[in-house]
Protein backbone atom coordinates (compact mmCIF):
# COMPACT_ATOMS: atom_id res chain seq x y z
CA MET A 1 111.74 67.85 134.48
CA GLN A 2 113.69 66.31 131.61
CA TYR A 3 113.70 67.87 128.57
CA LEU A 4 115.06 66.26 125.20
CA GLU A 5 117.96 67.31 123.13
CA GLN A 6 115.41 68.82 120.18
CA GLN A 7 113.32 70.46 123.08
CA ILE A 8 116.27 72.32 124.73
CA THR A 9 117.21 73.72 121.39
CA GLU A 10 113.41 74.87 120.74
CA LEU A 11 113.41 76.57 123.77
CA LYS A 12 116.73 78.21 123.24
CA ALA A 13 115.65 79.17 119.93
CA GLU A 14 112.28 80.73 121.62
CA PHE A 15 114.88 82.52 123.85
CA ALA A 16 116.84 84.26 121.17
CA ARG A 17 113.58 85.49 119.78
CA ARG A 18 111.91 86.88 123.15
CA ARG A 19 115.69 88.27 123.89
CA LYS A 20 115.05 90.23 120.48
CA ARG A 21 111.51 91.79 120.73
CA GLN A 22 113.15 92.91 124.56
CA PHE A 23 115.93 94.33 122.51
CA LEU A 24 113.56 96.02 119.60
CA VAL A 25 111.38 97.64 122.42
CA THR A 26 114.23 98.43 124.86
CA ILE A 27 116.24 100.57 122.48
CA PRO A 28 114.20 102.87 120.88
CA LEU A 29 112.78 103.11 124.34
CA ALA A 30 116.38 104.57 125.59
CA ALA A 31 116.68 106.47 122.21
CA GLY A 32 113.63 108.55 122.54
CA VAL A 33 114.35 109.61 126.18
CA VAL A 34 117.70 111.00 125.06
CA LEU A 35 115.70 112.79 122.42
CA LEU A 36 113.45 114.21 124.72
CA ARG A 37 116.08 115.59 126.79
CA VAL A 38 118.03 117.20 123.74
CA PHE A 39 114.80 118.09 122.16
CA ARG A 40 113.04 120.27 124.90
CA ASP A 41 113.01 124.03 125.62
CA LYS A 42 112.77 124.66 128.80
CA GLU A 43 111.79 128.19 128.48
CA ALA A 44 108.91 128.23 126.44
CA GLY A 45 107.78 125.04 127.72
CA LEU A 46 108.03 122.51 124.68
CA ILE A 47 108.89 119.39 123.17
CA PHE A 48 109.01 119.05 119.60
CA GLY A 49 106.88 122.13 119.68
CA PHE A 50 104.44 120.08 121.80
CA PRO A 51 103.71 121.28 125.43
CA ALA A 52 105.43 119.60 127.42
CA SER A 53 103.19 118.26 129.86
CA THR A 54 101.50 116.93 127.21
CA VAL A 55 104.31 114.94 125.50
CA MET A 56 105.44 113.73 129.15
CA GLY A 57 102.20 112.43 129.24
CA VAL A 58 102.35 110.31 126.14
CA ALA A 59 105.83 109.56 127.21
CA PHE A 60 104.80 108.05 130.20
CA GLY A 61 101.86 106.19 128.62
CA VAL A 62 104.54 104.10 126.50
CA VAL A 63 106.56 103.74 129.28
CA LEU A 64 103.95 101.59 130.78
CA ALA A 65 103.28 100.05 127.57
CA VAL A 66 107.04 98.78 127.67
CA VAL A 67 106.98 97.59 131.22
CA ALA A 68 104.09 95.71 130.12
CA PHE A 69 105.40 93.94 126.99
CA SER A 70 108.39 93.40 129.07
CA LEU A 71 106.43 91.54 131.81
CA TRP A 72 104.87 88.88 128.87
CA ASN A 73 107.61 88.43 126.84
CA TRP A 74 110.64 88.41 129.03
CA ARG A 75 109.70 84.96 130.76
CA CYS A 76 111.28 81.66 130.31
CA PRO A 77 110.30 79.48 127.50
CA ALA A 78 109.64 76.44 129.61
CA CYS A 79 108.52 77.29 132.97
CA ASN A 80 107.07 81.20 131.93
CA LYS A 81 108.20 82.61 135.32
CA TYR A 82 109.84 85.82 135.09
CA LEU A 83 113.59 86.15 134.15
CA GLY A 84 114.58 89.08 135.63
CA LYS A 85 116.48 92.41 134.98
CA GLY A 86 119.30 90.34 133.16
CA MET A 87 119.25 90.29 129.26
CA SER A 88 122.15 87.53 128.83
CA PRO A 89 120.85 85.37 131.05
CA ASP A 90 122.47 82.07 130.60
CA PHE A 91 119.90 79.77 132.15
CA CYS A 92 116.19 80.07 134.11
CA ARG A 93 116.94 81.10 137.75
CA LYS A 94 113.59 79.29 138.50
CA CYS A 95 113.92 75.90 136.90
CA GLY A 96 117.31 75.56 135.56
CA ILE A 97 116.91 75.26 132.01
CA PRO A 98 119.68 76.54 129.48
CA LEU A 99 118.84 79.47 127.89
CA GLN A 100 121.77 80.07 125.68
């Protein structure tokens, strides 16, 4: 499909918004994983003073929520296909629209 220059500009702006949202969930998730490792007490079986099983259950739920969000968010603004694992694609591999 052919797009007008204005449409391509709007699609690039939408991609930038989606990319920003993706960073906003990925960076805190990575930081949370590091914090879980740092603040765990193996001998007492605690993380942040709570039972490790409870904290890990909550962490697992958060990871599932982030994965679900990513599957919804990380899509081409033109064809709505999943953009893959990379964080900075120059174009959509499915429809070829420039994203940056």
